[in-house]
């Protein structure tokens, strides 16, 4: 992960995977007047990807700051 382009590609991939999991998680949830209980199916993987995106974002920000 030494190259900015590689880090950016990894960030985009992780972000895309996270978006896909969020979409899968929300399938079947319908709005209505009653209470909806959501049982996470992808919770651990979503947490991992969220943390990974945050770390990669910090690296990219640091790289951008060092270029200034």
C-alpha atoms as a PDB file:
ATOM      1  CA  UNK A   1       0.000   0.000   0.000  1.00  0.00           C
ATOM      2  CA  UNK A   2       2.807   2.403  -0.660  1.00  0.00           C
ATOM      3  CA  UNK A   3       1.310   3.907  -3.777  1.00  0.00           C
ATOM      4  CA  UNK A   4      -1.478   6.509  -3.584  1.00  0.00           C
ATOM      5  CA  UNK A   5      -3.202   4.968  -6.597  1.00  0.00           C
ATOM      6  CA  UNK A   6      -3.206   1.522  -4.961  1.00  0.00           C
ATOM      7  CA  UNK A   7      -4.542   2.919  -1.697  1.00  0.00           C
ATOM      8  CA  UNK A   8      -7.264   4.826  -3.518  1.00  0.00           C
ATOM      9  CA  UNK A   9      -8.247   1.689  -5.464  1.00  0.00           C
ATOM     10  CA  UNK A  10      -8.399  -0.331  -2.237  1.00  0.00           C
ATOM     11  CA  UNK A  11     -10.498   2.400  -0.608  1.00  0.00           C
ATOM     12  CA  UNK A  12     -12.952   2.438  -3.508  1.00  0.00           C
ATOM     13  CA  UNK A  13     -13.239  -1.349  -3.460  1.00  0.00           C
ATOM     14  CA  UNK A  14     -13.873  -1.478   0.296  1.00  0.00           C
ATOM     15  CA  UNK A  15     -16.383   1.360   0.034  1.00  0.00           C
ATOM     16  CA  UNK A  16     -18.190  -0.427  -2.796  1.00  0.00           C
ATOM     17  CA  UNK A  17     -18.315  -3.674  -0.797  1.00  0.00           C
ATOM     18  CA  UNK A  18     -19.681  -1.770   2.188  1.00  0.00           C
ATOM     19  CA  UNK A  19     -22.390  -0.153   0.059  1.00  0.00           C
ATOM     20  CA  UNK A  20     -23.349  -3.559  -1.332  1.00  0.00           C
ATOM     21  CA  UNK A  21     -23.650  -5.045   2.159  1.00  0.00           C
ATOM     22  CA  UNK A  22     -25.745  -2.095   3.324  1.00  0.00           C
ATOM     23  CA  UNK A  23     -28.060  -2.580   0.370  1.00  0.00           C
ATOM     24  CA  UNK A  24     -28.348  -6.334   1.086  1.00  0.00           C
ATOM     25  CA  UNK A  25     -28.999  -5.602   4.756  1.00  0.00           C
ATOM     26  CA  UNK A  26     -31.864  -3.262   3.937  1.00  0.00           C
ATOM     27  CA  UNK A  27     -33.614  -5.624   1.496  1.00  0.00           C
ATOM     28  CA  UNK A  28     -36.865  -6.818   2.937  1.00  0.00           C
ATOM     29  CA  UNK A  29     -37.274  -3.928   5.356  1.00  0.00           C
ATOM     30  CA  UNK A  30     -40.534  -2.242   4.539  1.00  0.00           C
ATOM     31  CA  UNK A  31     -41.830   0.963   6.010  1.00  0.00           C
ATOM     32  CA  UNK A  32     -45.054   0.815   7.909  1.00  0.00           C
ATOM     33  CA  UNK A  33     -46.753   1.944  11.066  1.00  0.00           C
ATOM     34  CA  UNK A  34     -45.419  -0.892  13.222  1.00  0.00           C
ATOM     35  CA  UNK A  35     -42.068  -1.322  14.875  1.00  0.00           C
ATOM     36  CA  UNK A  36     -39.419  -2.925  12.683  1.00  0.00           C
ATOM     37  CA  UNK A  37     -36.729  -5.048  14.255  1.00  0.00           C
ATOM     38  CA  UNK A  38     -33.615  -5.403  12.145  1.00  0.00           C
ATOM     39  CA  UNK A  39     -31.298  -8.298  12.849  1.00  0.00           C
ATOM     40  CA  UNK A  40     -27.902  -7.566  11.301  1.00  0.00           C
ATOM     41  CA  UNK A  41     -26.668 -10.332   9.032  1.00  0.00           C
ATOM     42  CA  UNK A  42     -23.484  -8.633   7.897  1.00  0.00           C
ATOM     43  CA  UNK A  43     -22.628  -6.698  11.057  1.00  0.00           C
ATOM     44  CA  UNK A  44     -19.073  -7.923  11.571  1.00  0.00           C
ATOM     45  CA  UNK A  45     -18.109  -7.539   7.927  1.00  0.00           C
ATOM     46  CA  UNK A  46     -19.695  -4.090   7.759  1.00  0.00           C
ATOM     47  CA  UNK A  47     -17.789  -3.019  10.877  1.00  0.00           C
ATOM     48  CA  UNK A  48     -14.537  -4.316   9.399  1.00  0.00           C
ATOM     49  CA  UNK A  49     -15.123  -2.489   6.089  1.00  0.00           C
ATOM     50  CA  UNK A  50     -16.161   0.721   7.859  1.00  0.00           C
ATOM     51  CA  UNK A  51     -12.949   0.678   9.902  1.00  0.00           C
ATOM     52  CA  UNK A  52     -10.878  -0.163   6.822  1.00  0.00           C
ATOM     53  CA  UNK A  53     -12.400   2.747   4.880  1.00  0.00           C
ATOM     54  CA  UNK A  54     -11.738   5.105   7.784  1.00  0.00           C
ATOM     55  CA  UNK A  55      -8.093   4.014   8.013  1.00  0.00           C
ATOM     56  CA  UNK A  56      -7.535   4.300   4.265  1.00  0.00           C
ATOM     57  CA  UNK A  57      -9.211   7.712   4.254  1.00  0.00           C
ATOM     58  CA  UNK A  58      -6.840   8.905   6.997  1.00  0.00           C
ATOM     59  CA  UNK A  59      -3.846   7.642   5.001  1.00  0.00           C
ATOM     60  CA  UNK A  60      -5.050   9.427   1.869  1.00  0.00           C
ATOM     61  CA  UNK A  61      -5.635  12.654   3.818  1.00  0.00           C
ATOM     62  CA  UNK A  62      -2.157  12.440   5.342  1.00  0.00           C
ATOM     63  CA  UNK A  63      -0.637  11.860   1.909  1.00  0.00           C
ATOM     64  CA  UNK A  64      -2.512  14.855   0.511  1.00  0.00           C
ATOM     65  CA  UNK A  65      -1.400  17.022   3.423  1.00  0.00           C
ATOM     66  CA  UNK A  66       2.223  16.019   2.965  1.00  0.00           C
ATOM     67  CA  UNK A  67       2.046  17.040  -0.701  1.00  0.00           C
ATOM     68  CA  UNK A  68       1.078  20.611   0.237  1.00  0.00           C
END
